[in-house]
Amino acid sequence: MKKITIAIDGHSSCGKSTMAKDLAREVGYVYVDTGAMYRSVTLYALHHGIFKEVRGEGQEVRDVIDEEALRQQMPNIQISFKFNAETGCPDTYLNGELVEDKIRTMEVSNHVSPIATLGFVREAMVAQQQQMGKDKGVVMDGRDIGTVVFPDAELKIFVTASAEVRAQRRYDELKGKGMEANFDEILKNVQERDYIDSHREVSPLKKADDAIELDNSHMTIPEQKEWLMERFKEAVNK
Protein backbone atom coordinates (compact mmCIF):
# COMPACT_ATOMS: atom_id res chain seq x y z
CA MET A 1 0.00 0.00 0.00
CA LYS A 2 1.42 3.39 -0.96
CA LYS A 3 2.28 5.89 1.78
CA ILE A 4 0.64 9.32 1.71
CA THR A 5 0.85 12.60 3.62
CA ILE A 6 -2.20 13.52 5.72
CA ALA A 7 -2.81 17.15 6.74
CA ILE A 8 -5.43 17.86 9.41
CA ASP A 9 -6.10 21.56 9.99
CA GLY A 10 -8.70 23.39 12.00
CA HIS A 11 -9.56 25.55 14.99
CA SER A 12 -8.04 25.10 18.45
CA SER A 13 -9.50 22.42 20.74
CA CYS A 14 -11.64 20.80 18.04
CA GLY A 15 -10.13 17.35 18.47
CA LYS A 16 -7.61 17.47 15.62
CA SER A 17 -4.85 15.92 17.70
CA THR A 18 -7.03 13.08 18.98
CA MET A 19 -8.15 12.26 15.44
CA ALA A 20 -4.64 12.48 14.04
CA LYS A 21 -3.08 10.38 16.82
CA ASP A 22 -5.71 7.65 16.48
CA LEU A 23 -5.38 7.51 12.70
CA ALA A 24 -1.58 7.40 12.81
CA ARG A 25 -1.69 4.56 15.34
CA GLU A 26 -4.28 2.62 13.28
CA VAL A 27 -2.37 2.85 9.99
CA GLY A 28 1.20 2.78 11.36
CA TYR A 29 2.09 6.37 10.38
CA VAL A 30 4.21 8.93 12.22
CA TYR A 31 2.13 11.55 14.06
CA VAL A 32 3.35 15.15 14.43
CA ASP A 33 1.46 17.63 16.65
CA THR A 34 2.46 21.01 15.22
CA GLY A 35 0.42 22.87 17.83
CA ALA A 36 2.69 21.30 20.45
CA MET A 37 5.67 22.74 18.56
CA TYR A 38 4.36 26.32 18.84
CA ARG A 39 3.43 25.67 22.47
CA SER A 40 7.01 24.50 23.06
CA VAL A 41 8.42 27.72 21.59
CA THR A 42 6.01 29.62 23.86
CA LEU A 43 7.18 27.65 26.91
CA TYR A 44 10.78 28.40 25.98
CA ALA A 45 9.96 32.12 25.68
CA LEU A 46 8.21 32.15 29.07
CA HIS A 47 11.14 30.39 30.76
CA HIS A 48 13.78 32.62 29.16
CA GLY A 49 12.28 36.02 29.95
CA ILE A 50 11.30 36.79 26.35
CA PHE A 51 7.88 38.07 27.41
CA LYS A 52 8.15 41.55 28.95
CA GLU A 53 5.46 43.16 31.10
CA VAL A 54 4.24 46.46 29.64
CA ARG A 55 1.81 48.83 31.38
CA GLY A 56 -0.79 50.42 29.10
CA GLU A 57 -2.34 53.90 29.31
CA GLY A 58 -5.13 52.53 31.48
CA GLN A 59 -2.47 51.02 33.76
CA GLU A 60 -3.39 47.49 32.66
CA VAL A 61 -0.40 45.15 32.46
CA ARG A 62 0.14 42.97 29.40
CA ASP A 63 2.92 40.72 28.17
CA VAL A 64 4.80 41.74 25.03
CA ILE A 65 7.25 39.56 23.12
CA ASP A 66 10.83 40.72 22.79
CA GLU A 67 10.93 39.67 19.12
CA GLU A 68 14.64 40.31 18.58
CA ALA A 69 15.56 38.21 21.61
CA LEU A 70 13.37 35.36 20.37
CA ARG A 71 14.72 35.64 16.83
CA GLN A 72 18.27 35.20 18.15
CA GLN A 73 17.21 32.21 20.26
CA MET A 74 15.35 30.28 17.50
CA PRO A 75 18.43 28.24 16.42
CA ASN A 76 18.56 26.95 20.02
CA ILE A 77 14.98 25.61 19.93
CA GLN A 78 14.70 22.03 18.74
CA ILE A 79 11.46 20.09 19.10
CA SER A 80 11.11 16.34 18.78
CA PHE A 81 8.55 13.63 19.48
CA LYS A 82 9.11 10.25 21.13
CA PHE A 83 6.55 7.46 21.22
CA ASN A 84 5.18 6.74 24.70
CA ALA A 85 4.32 3.03 24.91
CA GLU A 86 2.21 3.61 28.03
CA THR A 87 -0.14 6.13 26.41
CA GLY A 88 0.23 4.87 22.85
CA CYS A 89 0.95 8.44 21.73
CA PRO A 90 4.06 10.55 21.10
CA ASP A 91 5.29 12.92 23.82
CA THR A 92 6.73 16.36 23.06
CA TYR A 93 10.37 17.13 23.89
CA LEU A 94 11.93 20.60 23.93
CA ASN A 95 15.70 20.44 23.53
CA GLY A 96 15.61 16.88 24.87
CA GLU A 97 13.37 17.66 27.88
CA LEU A 98 9.91 16.08 28.20
CA VAL A 99 7.41 18.99 28.21
CA GLU A 100 4.13 17.27 27.26
CA ASP A 101 2.24 18.45 30.37
CA LYS A 102 4.03 21.80 30.74
CA ILE A 103 2.90 22.98 27.28
CA ARG A 104 -0.79 22.24 28.03
CA THR A 105 -1.23 24.78 30.85
CA MET A 106 -3.46 27.86 30.55
CA GLU A 107 -0.38 30.08 30.90
CA VAL A 108 0.98 28.65 27.66
CA SER A 109 -2.48 28.72 26.02
CA ASN A 110 -2.78 32.43 26.81
CA HIS A 111 0.59 33.24 25.20
CA VAL A 112 0.84 30.89 22.22
CA SER A 113 -1.15 32.80 19.55
CA PRO A 114 1.14 35.90 19.51
CA ILE A 115 4.17 33.60 19.22
CA ALA A 116 2.55 31.68 16.35
CA THR A 117 1.91 34.89 14.38
CA LEU A 118 5.63 35.66 14.07
CA GLY A 119 6.95 34.94 10.59
CA PHE A 120 10.43 33.85 11.69
CA VAL A 121 8.93 31.42 14.24
CA ARG A 122 6.63 29.87 11.63
CA GLU A 123 9.48 29.66 9.12
CA ALA A 124 11.63 27.73 11.61
CA MET A 125 8.78 25.41 12.62
CA VAL A 126 7.69 24.75 9.03
CA ALA A 127 11.28 23.76 8.16
CA GLN A 128 11.32 21.28 11.07
CA GLN A 129 7.87 19.95 10.09
CA GLN A 130 8.78 19.45 6.44
CA GLN A 131 11.91 17.57 7.50
CA MET A 132 9.78 15.29 9.71
CA GLY A 133 7.43 14.52 6.82
CA LYS A 134 9.87 14.20 3.94
CA ASP A 135 9.40 10.42 3.62
CA LYS A 136 5.56 10.51 3.70
CA GLY A 137 3.68 8.10 5.94
CA VAL A 138 2.95 11.03 8.27
CA VAL A 139 -0.15 12.52 9.88
CA MET A 140 0.32 16.15 10.83
CA ASP A 141 -2.21 18.50 12.42
CA GLY A 142 -2.18 22.25 12.93
CA ARG A 143 -3.39 25.48 11.32
CA ASP A 144 -1.53 25.64 8.00
CA ILE A 145 -0.47 22.08 7.19
CA GLY A 146 -2.59 21.74 4.04
CA THR A 147 -1.95 25.30 2.86
CA VAL A 148 1.73 25.93 3.73
CA VAL A 149 3.60 22.93 5.14
CA PHE A 150 2.30 20.23 2.77
CA PRO A 151 0.23 21.91 0.02
CA ASP A 152 0.57 18.69 -2.02
CA ALA A 153 -0.72 16.37 0.73
CA GLU A 154 -2.85 13.57 -0.69
CA LEU A 155 -5.46 13.90 2.08
CA LYS A 156 -6.45 17.21 3.67
CA ILE A 157 -9.06 17.52 6.40
CA PHE A 158 -10.36 20.78 7.90
CA VAL A 159 -11.97 20.27 11.32
CA THR A 160 -14.28 22.70 13.06
CA ALA A 161 -16.74 22.79 15.98
CA SER A 162 -18.59 25.49 17.92
CA ALA A 163 -16.51 27.58 20.36
CA GLU A 164 -18.65 26.41 23.30
CA VAL A 165 -18.16 22.73 22.47
CA ARG A 166 -14.40 23.25 22.08
CA ALA A 167 -14.15 25.12 25.39
CA GLN A 168 -16.00 22.31 27.17
CA ARG A 169 -13.62 19.73 25.69
CA ARG A 170 -10.60 21.74 26.81
CA TYR A 171 -12.13 22.17 30.29
CA ASP A 172 -12.79 18.42 30.60
CA GLU A 173 -9.24 17.63 29.39
CA LEU A 174 -7.62 19.90 32.00
CA LYS A 175 -9.85 18.66 34.83
CA GLY A 176 -9.14 15.08 33.77
CA LYS A 177 -5.43 15.77 34.27
CA GLY A 178 -6.10 17.23 37.72
CA MET A 179 -5.28 20.76 36.55
CA GLU A 180 -7.08 23.99 37.47
CA ALA A 181 -9.70 25.04 34.90
CA ASN A 182 -12.30 27.81 34.52
CA PHE A 183 -14.84 27.36 31.69
CA ASP A 184 -15.42 31.08 31.06
CA GLU A 185 -11.67 31.76 30.90
CA ILE A 186 -11.20 28.85 28.49
CA LEU A 187 -14.09 29.99 26.25
CA LYS A 188 -12.61 33.50 26.09
CA ASN A 189 -9.22 32.02 25.21
CA VAL A 190 -10.75 29.85 22.44
CA GLN A 191 -12.56 32.84 20.90
CA GLU A 192 -9.47 35.06 21.07
CA ARG A 193 -7.29 32.38 19.49
CA ASP A 194 -9.83 31.87 16.69
CA TYR A 195 -9.67 35.57 15.85
CA ILE A 196 -5.88 35.78 16.01
CA ASP A 197 -5.36 32.55 14.05
CA SER A 198 -7.74 33.64 11.28
CA HIS A 199 -6.51 37.24 11.00
CA ARG A 200 -2.73 36.93 11.28
CA GLU A 201 -0.66 38.10 8.31
CA VAL A 202 1.56 35.02 8.14
CA SER A 203 -0.11 31.66 7.33
CA PRO A 204 -3.61 32.50 8.63
CA LEU A 205 -5.93 29.63 9.51
CA LYS A 206 -8.00 28.85 6.43
CA LYS A 207 -9.41 25.81 4.72
CA ALA A 208 -7.40 24.62 1.72
CA ASP A 209 -9.44 24.57 -1.48
CA ASP A 210 -9.09 20.79 -1.76
CA ALA A 211 -9.67 20.00 1.94
CA ILE A 212 -12.65 17.99 3.18
CA GLU A 213 -14.50 19.84 5.97
CA LEU A 214 -15.67 18.05 9.12
CA ASP A 215 -17.86 19.74 11.77
CA ASN A 216 -17.54 17.39 14.72
CA SER A 217 -19.57 19.41 17.24
CA HIS A 218 -22.00 16.53 17.74
CA MET A 219 -19.87 13.52 16.83
CA THR A 220 -18.44 10.93 19.18
CA ILE A 221 -14.76 9.99 18.94
CA PRO A 222 -15.63 6.53 17.47
CA GLU A 223 -17.77 8.25 14.81
CA GLN A 224 -14.90 10.58 13.94
CA LYS A 225 -12.47 7.66 13.73
CA GLU A 226 -14.75 5.77 11.36
CA TRP A 227 -15.29 8.87 9.17
CA LEU A 228 -11.55 9.61 8.97
CA MET A 229 -10.62 6.01 8.23
CA GLU A 230 -13.02 6.03 5.27
CA ARG A 231 -11.40 9.21 3.92
CA PHE A 232 -7.94 7.61 4.38
CA LYS A 233 -8.92 4.49 2.44
CA GLU A 234 -10.35 6.62 -0.38
CA ALA A 235 -7.13 8.69 -0.59
CA VAL A 236 -4.81 5.67 -0.55
CA ASN A 237 -6.77 3.87 -3.25
CA LYS A 238 -6.84 6.84 -5.66
C-alpha atoms as a PDB file:
ATOM      1  CA  MET A   1       0.000   0.000   0.000  1.00  0.00           C
ATOM      2  CA  LYS A   2       1.415   3.393  -0.955  1.00  0.00           C
ATOM      3  CA  LYS A   3       2.276   5.894   1.777  1.00  0.00           C
ATOM      4  CA  ILE A   4       0.645   9.317   1.712  1.00  0.00           C
ATOM      5  CA  THR A   5       0.849  12.601   3.617  1.00  0.00           C
ATOM      6  CA  ILE A   6      -2.205  13.518   5.716  1.00  0.00           C
ATOM      7  CA  ALA A   7      -2.812  17.147   6.737  1.00  0.00           C
ATOM      8  CA  ILE A   8      -5.427  17.857   9.414  1.00  0.00           C
ATOM      9  CA  ASP A   9      -6.096  21.559   9.989  1.00  0.00           C
ATOM     10  CA  GLY A  10      -8.705  23.394  11.997  1.00  0.00           C
ATOM     11  CA  HIS A  11      -9.557  25.554  14.991  1.00  0.00           C
ATOM     12  CA  SER A  12      -8.039  25.105  18.451  1.00  0.00           C
ATOM     13  CA  SER A  13      -9.500  22.417  20.742  1.00  0.00           C
ATOM     14  CA  CYS A  14     -11.638  20.798  18.037  1.00  0.00           C
ATOM     15  CA  GLY A  15     -10.128  17.351  18.469  1.00  0.00           C
ATOM     16  CA  LYS A  16      -7.608  17.468  15.616  1.00  0.00           C
ATOM     17  CA  SER A  17      -4.845  15.917  17.697  1.00  0.00           C
ATOM     18  CA  THR A  18      -7.027  13.077  18.975  1.00  0.00           C
ATOM     19  CA  MET A  19      -8.149  12.264  15.441  1.00  0.00           C
ATOM     20  CA  ALA A  20      -4.640  12.476  14.036  1.00  0.00           C
ATOM     21  CA  LYS A  21      -3.079  10.379  16.821  1.00  0.00           C
ATOM     22  CA  ASP A  22      -5.710   7.655  16.480  1.00  0.00           C
ATOM     23  CA  LEU A  23      -5.379   7.507  12.700  1.00  0.00           C
ATOM     24  CA  ALA A  24      -1.577   7.398  12.815  1.00  0.00           C
ATOM     25  CA  ARG A  25      -1.686   4.558  15.338  1.00  0.00           C
ATOM     26  CA  GLU A  26      -4.276   2.619  13.275  1.00  0.00           C
ATOM     27  CA  VAL A  27      -2.366   2.846   9.986  1.00  0.00           C
ATOM     28  CA  GLY A  28       1.198   2.782  11.362  1.00  0.00           C
ATOM     29  CA  TYR A  29       2.091   6.368  10.377  1.00  0.00           C
ATOM     30  CA  VAL A  30       4.211   8.926  12.220  1.00  0.00           C
ATOM     31  CA  TYR A  31       2.129  11.549  14.063  1.00  0.00           C
ATOM     32  CA  VAL A  32       3.346  15.146  14.431  1.00  0.00           C
ATOM     33  CA  ASP A  33       1.457  17.630  16.652  1.00  0.00           C
ATOM     34  CA  THR A  34       2.464  21.007  15.215  1.00  0.00           C
ATOM     35  CA  GLY A  35       0.419  22.867  17.827  1.00  0.00           C
ATOM     36  CA  ALA A  36       2.686  21.298  20.451  1.00  0.00           C
ATOM     37  CA  MET A  37       5.668  22.737  18.564  1.00  0.00           C
ATOM     38  CA  TYR A  38       4.359  26.319  18.836  1.00  0.00           C
ATOM     39  CA  ARG A  39       3.427  25.672  22.470  1.00  0.00           C
ATOM     40  CA  SER A  40       7.006  24.503  23.057  1.00  0.00           C
ATOM     41  CA  VAL A  41       8.419  27.723  21.588  1.00  0.00           C
ATOM     42  CA  THR A  42       6.014  29.625  23.863  1.00  0.00           C
ATOM     43  CA  LEU A  43       7.176  27.653  26.909  1.00  0.00           C
ATOM     44  CA  TYR A  44      10.783  28.404  25.975  1.00  0.00           C
ATOM     45  CA  ALA A  45       9.958  32.125  25.680  1.00  0.00           C
ATOM     46  CA  LEU A  46       8.214  32.146  29.070  1.00  0.00           C
ATOM     47  CA  HIS A  47      11.140  30.391  30.756  1.00  0.00           C
ATOM     48  CA  HIS A  48      13.783  32.622  29.159  1.00  0.00           C
ATOM     49  CA  GLY A  49      12.281  36.025  29.949  1.00  0.00           C
ATOM     50  CA  ILE A  50      11.300  36.786  26.347  1.00  0.00           C
ATOM     51  CA  PHE A  51       7.879  38.066  27.411  1.00  0.00           C
ATOM     52  CA  LYS A  52       8.150  41.545  28.948  1.00  0.00           C
ATOM     53  CA  GLU A  53       5.462  43.156  31.103  1.00  0.00           C
ATOM     54  CA  VAL A  54       4.244  46.462  29.645  1.00  0.00           C
ATOM     55  CA  ARG A  55       1.809  48.835  31.378  1.00  0.00           C
ATOM     56  CA  GLY A  56      -0.793  50.417  29.096  1.00  0.00           C
ATOM     57  CA  GLU A  57      -2.338  53.896  29.313  1.00  0.00           C
ATOM     58  CA  GLY A  58      -5.130  52.527  31.476  1.00  0.00           C
ATOM     59  CA  GLN A  59      -2.467  51.015  33.763  1.00  0.00           C
ATOM     60  CA  GLU A  60      -3.391  47.489  32.664  1.00  0.00           C
ATOM     61  CA  VAL A  61      -0.398  45.152  32.464  1.00  0.00           C
ATOM     62  CA  ARG A  62       0.139  42.970  29.403  1.00  0.00           C
ATOM     63  CA  ASP A  63       2.922  40.724  28.168  1.00  0.00           C
ATOM     64  CA  VAL A  64       4.799  41.744  25.027  1.00  0.00           C
ATOM     65  CA  ILE A  65       7.248  39.560  23.119  1.00  0.00           C
ATOM     66  CA  ASP A  66      10.827  40.724  22.787  1.00  0.00           C
ATOM     67  CA  GLU A  67      10.933  39.673  19.119  1.00  0.00           C
ATOM     68  CA  GLU A  68      14.636  40.314  18.583  1.00  0.00           C
ATOM     69  CA  ALA A  69      15.564  38.210  21.614  1.00  0.00           C
ATOM     70  CA  LEU A  70      13.370  35.358  20.372  1.00  0.00           C
ATOM     71  CA  ARG A  71      14.719  35.637  16.828  1.00  0.00           C
ATOM     72  CA  GLN A  72      18.267  35.204  18.151  1.00  0.00           C
ATOM     73  CA  GLN A  73      17.207  32.208  20.263  1.00  0.00           C
ATOM     74  CA  MET A  74      15.346  30.285  17.498  1.00  0.00           C
ATOM     75  CA  PRO A  75      18.428  28.245  16.420  1.00  0.00           C
ATOM     76  CA  ASN A  76      18.557  26.954  20.025  1.00  0.00           C
ATOM     77  CA  ILE A  77      14.985  25.614  19.934  1.00  0.00           C
ATOM     78  CA  GLN A  78      14.702  22.027  18.739  1.00  0.00           C
ATOM     79  CA  ILE A  79      11.458  20.093  19.101  1.00  0.00           C
ATOM     80  CA  SER A  80      11.109  16.335  18.781  1.00  0.00           C
ATOM     81  CA  PHE A  81       8.552  13.631  19.484  1.00  0.00           C
ATOM     82  CA  LYS A  82       9.107  10.253  21.132  1.00  0.00           C
ATOM     83  CA  PHE A  83       6.546   7.464  21.219  1.00  0.00           C
ATOM     84  CA  ASN A  84       5.181   6.736  24.699  1.00  0.00           C
ATOM     85  CA  ALA A  85       4.325   3.028  24.905  1.00  0.00           C
ATOM     86  CA  GLU A  86       2.214   3.606  28.031  1.00  0.00           C
ATOM     87  CA  THR A  87      -0.144   6.126  26.410  1.00  0.00           C
ATOM     88  CA  GLY A  88       0.231   4.865  22.852  1.00  0.00           C
ATOM     89  CA  CYS A  89       0.950   8.438  21.735  1.00  0.00           C
ATOM     90  CA  PRO A  90       4.056  10.549  21.105  1.00  0.00           C
ATOM     91  CA  ASP A  91       5.288  12.921  23.821  1.00  0.00           C
ATOM     92  CA  THR A  92       6.734  16.360  23.060  1.00  0.00           C
ATOM     93  CA  TYR A  93      10.368  17.129  23.885  1.00  0.00           C
ATOM     94  CA  LEU A  94      11.927  20.603  23.926  1.00  0.00           C
ATOM     95  CA  ASN A  95      15.700  20.436  23.533  1.00  0.00           C
ATOM     96  CA  GLY A  96      15.605  16.876  24.866  1.00  0.00           C
ATOM     97  CA  GLU A  97      13.371  17.659  27.878  1.00  0.00           C
ATOM     98  CA  LEU A  98       9.912  16.083  28.198  1.00  0.00           C
ATOM     99  CA  VAL A  99       7.414  18.988  28.208  1.00  0.00           C
ATOM    100  CA  GLU A 100       4.131  17.268  27.260  1.00  0.00           C
ATOM    101  CA  ASP A 101       2.241  18.448  30.371  1.00  0.00           C
ATOM    102  CA  LYS A 102       4.027  21.797  30.739  1.00  0.00           C
ATOM    103  CA  ILE A 103       2.899  22.981  27.285  1.00  0.00           C
ATOM    104  CA  ARG A 104      -0.791  22.241  28.031  1.00  0.00           C
ATOM    105  CA  THR A 105      -1.226  24.784  30.848  1.00  0.00           C
ATOM    106  CA  MET A 106      -3.462  27.861  30.553  1.00  0.00           C
ATOM    107  CA  GLU A 107      -0.379  30.082  30.900  1.00  0.00           C
ATOM    108  CA  VAL A 108       0.984  28.649  27.658  1.00  0.00           C
ATOM    109  CA  SER A 109      -2.478  28.723  26.022  1.00  0.00           C
ATOM    110  CA  ASN A 110      -2.776  32.433  26.810  1.00  0.00           C
ATOM    111  CA  HIS A 111       0.585  33.243  25.204  1.00  0.00           C
ATOM    112  CA  VAL A 112       0.836  30.888  22.216  1.00  0.00           C
ATOM    113  CA  SER A 113      -1.148  32.800  19.555  1.00  0.00           C
ATOM    114  CA  PRO A 114       1.137  35.900  19.509  1.00  0.00           C
ATOM    115  CA  ILE A 115       4.170  33.595  19.217  1.00  0.00           C
ATOM    116  CA  ALA A 116       2.555  31.676  16.352  1.00  0.00           C
ATOM    117  CA  THR A 117       1.909  34.893  14.375  1.00  0.00           C
ATOM    118  CA  LEU A 118       5.628  35.662  14.068  1.00  0.00           C
ATOM    119  CA  GLY A 119       6.946  34.943  10.590  1.00  0.00           C
ATOM    120  CA  PHE A 120      10.428  33.851  11.691  1.00  0.00           C
ATOM    121  CA  VAL A 121       8.930  31.418  14.236  1.00  0.00           C
ATOM    122  CA  ARG A 122       6.633  29.869  11.627  1.00  0.00           C
ATOM    123  CA  GLU A 123       9.476  29.664   9.122  1.00  0.00           C
ATOM    124  CA  ALA A 124      11.625  27.733  11.606  1.00  0.00           C
ATOM    125  CA  MET A 125       8.784  25.412  12.623  1.00  0.00           C
ATOM    126  CA  VAL A 126       7.693  24.745   9.029  1.00  0.00           C
ATOM    127  CA  ALA A 127      11.278  23.761   8.160  1.00  0.00           C
ATOM    128  CA  GLN A 128      11.320  21.278  11.068  1.00  0.00           C
ATOM    129  CA  GLN A 129       7.867  19.950  10.091  1.00  0.00           C
ATOM    130  CA  GLN A 130       8.785  19.448   6.442  1.00  0.00           C
ATOM    131  CA  GLN A 131      11.908  17.567   7.501  1.00  0.00           C
ATOM    132  CA  MET A 132       9.783  15.286   9.708  1.00  0.00           C
ATOM    133  CA  GLY A 133       7.425  14.519   6.822  1.00  0.00           C
ATOM    134  CA  LYS A 134       9.870  14.196   3.936  1.00  0.00           C
ATOM    135  CA  ASP A 135       9.399  10.419   3.623  1.00  0.00           C
ATOM    136  CA  LYS A 136       5.559  10.514   3.696  1.00  0.00           C
ATOM    137  CA  GLY A 137       3.676   8.102   5.943  1.00  0.00           C
ATOM    138  CA  VAL A 138       2.952  11.028   8.265  1.00  0.00           C
ATOM    139  CA  VAL A 139      -0.154  12.518   9.881  1.00  0.00           C
ATOM    140  CA  MET A 140       0.320  16.153  10.834  1.00  0.00           C
ATOM    141  CA  ASP A 141      -2.208  18.497  12.418  1.00  0.00           C
ATOM    142  CA  GLY A 142      -2.176  22.248  12.933  1.00  0.00           C
ATOM    143  CA  ARG A 143      -3.393  25.483  11.321  1.00  0.00           C
ATOM    144  CA  ASP A 144      -1.529  25.640   8.000  1.00  0.00           C
ATOM    145  CA  ILE A 145      -0.474  22.083   7.188  1.00  0.00           C
ATOM    146  CA  GLY A 146      -2.586  21.742   4.039  1.00  0.00           C
ATOM    147  CA  THR A 147      -1.953  25.300   2.863  1.00  0.00           C
ATOM    148  CA  VAL A 148       1.727  25.935   3.726  1.00  0.00           C
ATOM    149  CA  VAL A 149       3.598  22.928   5.142  1.00  0.00           C
ATOM    150  CA  PHE A 150       2.295  20.226   2.771  1.00  0.00           C
ATOM    151  CA  PRO A 151       0.228  21.906   0.024  1.00  0.00           C
ATOM    152  CA  ASP A 152       0.568  18.691  -2.024  1.00  0.00           C
ATOM    153  CA  ALA A 153      -0.722  16.371   0.725  1.00  0.00           C
ATOM    154  CA  GLU A 154      -2.848  13.569  -0.693  1.00  0.00           C
ATOM    155  CA  LEU A 155      -5.457  13.904   2.081  1.00  0.00           C
ATOM    156  CA  LYS A 156      -6.450  17.210   3.669  1.00  0.00           C
ATOM    157  CA  ILE A 157      -9.057  17.521   6.405  1.00  0.00           C
ATOM    158  CA  PHE A 158     -10.360  20.785   7.900  1.00  0.00           C
ATOM    159  CA  VAL A 159     -11.968  20.273  11.321  1.00  0.00           C
ATOM    160  CA  THR A 160     -14.277  22.697  13.062  1.00  0.00           C
ATOM    161  CA  ALA A 161     -16.743  22.785  15.984  1.00  0.00           C
ATOM    162  CA  SER A 162     -18.590  25.490  17.923  1.00  0.00           C
ATOM    163  CA  ALA A 163     -16.507  27.576  20.356  1.00  0.00           C
ATOM    164  CA  GLU A 164     -18.653  26.411  23.297  1.00  0.00           C
ATOM    165  CA  VAL A 165     -18.155  22.730  22.470  1.00  0.00           C
ATOM    166  CA  ARG A 166     -14.403  23.245  22.084  1.00  0.00           C
ATOM    167  CA  ALA A 167     -14.150  25.119  25.395  1.00  0.00           C
ATOM    168  CA  GLN A 168     -15.998  22.308  27.175  1.00  0.00           C
ATOM    169  CA  ARG A 169     -13.621  19.730  25.690  1.00  0.00           C
ATOM    170  CA  ARG A 170     -10.598  21.743  26.813  1.00  0.00           C
ATOM    171  CA  TYR A 171     -12.126  22.168  30.293  1.00  0.00           C
ATOM    172  CA  ASP A 172     -12.787  18.424  30.598  1.00  0.00           C
ATOM    173  CA  GLU A 173      -9.243  17.634  29.387  1.00  0.00           C
ATOM    174  CA  LEU A 174      -7.622  19.895  31.999  1.00  0.00           C
ATOM    175  CA  LYS A 175      -9.852  18.658  34.835  1.00  0.00           C
ATOM    176  CA  GLY A 176      -9.143  15.076  33.774  1.00  0.00           C
ATOM    177  CA  LYS A 177      -5.434  15.768  34.272  1.00  0.00           C
ATOM    178  CA  GLY A 178      -6.099  17.228  37.722  1.00  0.00           C
ATOM    179  CA  MET A 179      -5.275  20.761  36.551  1.00  0.00           C
ATOM    180  CA  GLU A 180      -7.078  23.991  37.472  1.00  0.00           C
ATOM    181  CA  ALA A 181      -9.704  25.036  34.899  1.00  0.00           C
ATOM    182  CA  ASN A 182     -12.299  27.805  34.516  1.00  0.00           C
ATOM    183  CA  PHE A 183     -14.836  27.356  31.693  1.00  0.00           C
ATOM    184  CA  ASP A 184     -15.419  31.078  31.057  1.00  0.00           C
ATOM    185  CA  GLU A 185     -11.674  31.759  30.899  1.00  0.00           C
ATOM    186  CA  ILE A 186     -11.196  28.849  28.488  1.00  0.00           C
ATOM    187  CA  LEU A 187     -14.092  29.988  26.248  1.00  0.00           C
ATOM    188  CA  LYS A 188     -12.608  33.497  26.089  1.00  0.00           C
ATOM    189  CA  ASN A 189      -9.224  32.016  25.207  1.00  0.00           C
ATOM    190  CA  VAL A 190     -10.749  29.851  22.442  1.00  0.00           C
ATOM    191  CA  GLN A 191     -12.562  32.839  20.905  1.00  0.00           C
ATOM    192  CA  GLU A 192      -9.467  35.060  21.069  1.00  0.00           C
ATOM    193  CA  ARG A 193      -7.293  32.378  19.494  1.00  0.00           C
ATOM    194  CA  ASP A 194      -9.835  31.870  16.686  1.00  0.00           C
ATOM    195  CA  TYR A 195      -9.674  35.568  15.847  1.00  0.00           C
ATOM    196  CA  ILE A 196      -5.875  35.784  16.006  1.00  0.00           C
ATOM    197  CA  ASP A 197      -5.355  32.552  14.053  1.00  0.00           C
ATOM    198  CA  SER A 198      -7.744  33.640  11.284  1.00  0.00           C
ATOM    199  CA  HIS A 199      -6.507  37.240  10.996  1.00  0.00           C
ATOM    200  CA  ARG A 200      -2.734  36.933  11.283  1.00  0.00           C
ATOM    201  CA  GLU A 201      -0.660  38.102   8.313  1.00  0.00           C
ATOM    202  CA  VAL A 202       1.560  35.015   8.135  1.00  0.00           C
ATOM    203  CA  SER A 203      -0.110  31.663   7.331  1.00  0.00           C
ATOM    204  CA  PRO A 204      -3.611  32.498   8.630  1.00  0.00           C
ATOM    205  CA  LEU A 205      -5.935  29.634   9.508  1.00  0.00           C
ATOM    206  CA  LYS A 206      -7.998  28.850   6.434  1.00  0.00           C
ATOM    207  CA  LYS A 207      -9.409  25.808   4.723  1.00  0.00           C
ATOM    208  CA  ALA A 208      -7.401  24.617   1.718  1.00  0.00           C
ATOM    209  CA  ASP A 209      -9.439  24.569  -1.484  1.00  0.00           C
ATOM    210  CA  ASP A 210      -9.088  20.786  -1.763  1.00  0.00           C
ATOM    211  CA  ALA A 211      -9.669  19.999   1.942  1.00  0.00           C
ATOM    212  CA  ILE A 212     -12.646  17.991   3.179  1.00  0.00           C
ATOM    213  CA  GLU A 213     -14.496  19.835   5.974  1.00  0.00           C
ATOM    214  CA  LEU A 214     -15.669  18.053   9.125  1.00  0.00           C
ATOM    215  CA  ASP A 215     -17.858  19.735  11.766  1.00  0.00           C
ATOM    216  CA  ASN A 216     -17.539  17.387  14.722  1.00  0.00           C
ATOM    217  CA  SER A 217     -19.570  19.408  17.240  1.00  0.00           C
ATOM    218  CA  HIS A 218     -22.000  16.528  17.743  1.00  0.00           C
ATOM    219  CA  MET A 219     -19.867  13.523  16.830  1.00  0.00           C
ATOM    220  CA  THR A 220     -18.439  10.931  19.185  1.00  0.00           C
ATOM    221  CA  ILE A 221     -14.760   9.994  18.944  1.00  0.00           C
ATOM    222  CA  PRO A 222     -15.625   6.533  17.467  1.00  0.00           C
ATOM    223  CA  GLU A 223     -17.772   8.251  14.813  1.00  0.00           C
ATOM    224  CA  GLN A 224     -14.899  10.585  13.940  1.00  0.00           C
ATOM    225  CA  LYS A 225     -12.465   7.661  13.727  1.00  0.00           C
ATOM    226  CA  GLU A 226     -14.752   5.775  11.363  1.00  0.00           C
ATOM    227  CA  TRP A 227     -15.288   8.872   9.174  1.00  0.00           C
ATOM    228  CA  LEU A 228     -11.554   9.612   8.970  1.00  0.00           C
ATOM    229  CA  MET A 229     -10.621   6.006   8.230  1.00  0.00           C
ATOM    230  CA  GLU A 230     -13.018   6.025   5.267  1.00  0.00           C
ATOM    231  CA  ARG A 231     -11.401   9.210   3.919  1.00  0.00           C
ATOM    232  CA  PHE A 232      -7.944   7.609   4.376  1.00  0.00           C
ATOM    233  CA  LYS A 233      -8.917   4.487   2.442  1.00  0.00           C
ATOM    234  CA  GLU A 234     -10.346   6.622  -0.382  1.00  0.00           C
ATOM    235  CA  ALA A 235      -7.131   8.688  -0.594  1.00  0.00           C
ATOM    236  CA  VAL A 236      -4.805   5.669  -0.545  1.00  0.00           C
ATOM    237  CA  ASN A 237      -6.768   3.872  -3.250  1.00  0.00           C
ATOM    238  CA  LYS A 238      -6.844   6.843  -5.657  1.00  0.00           C
END
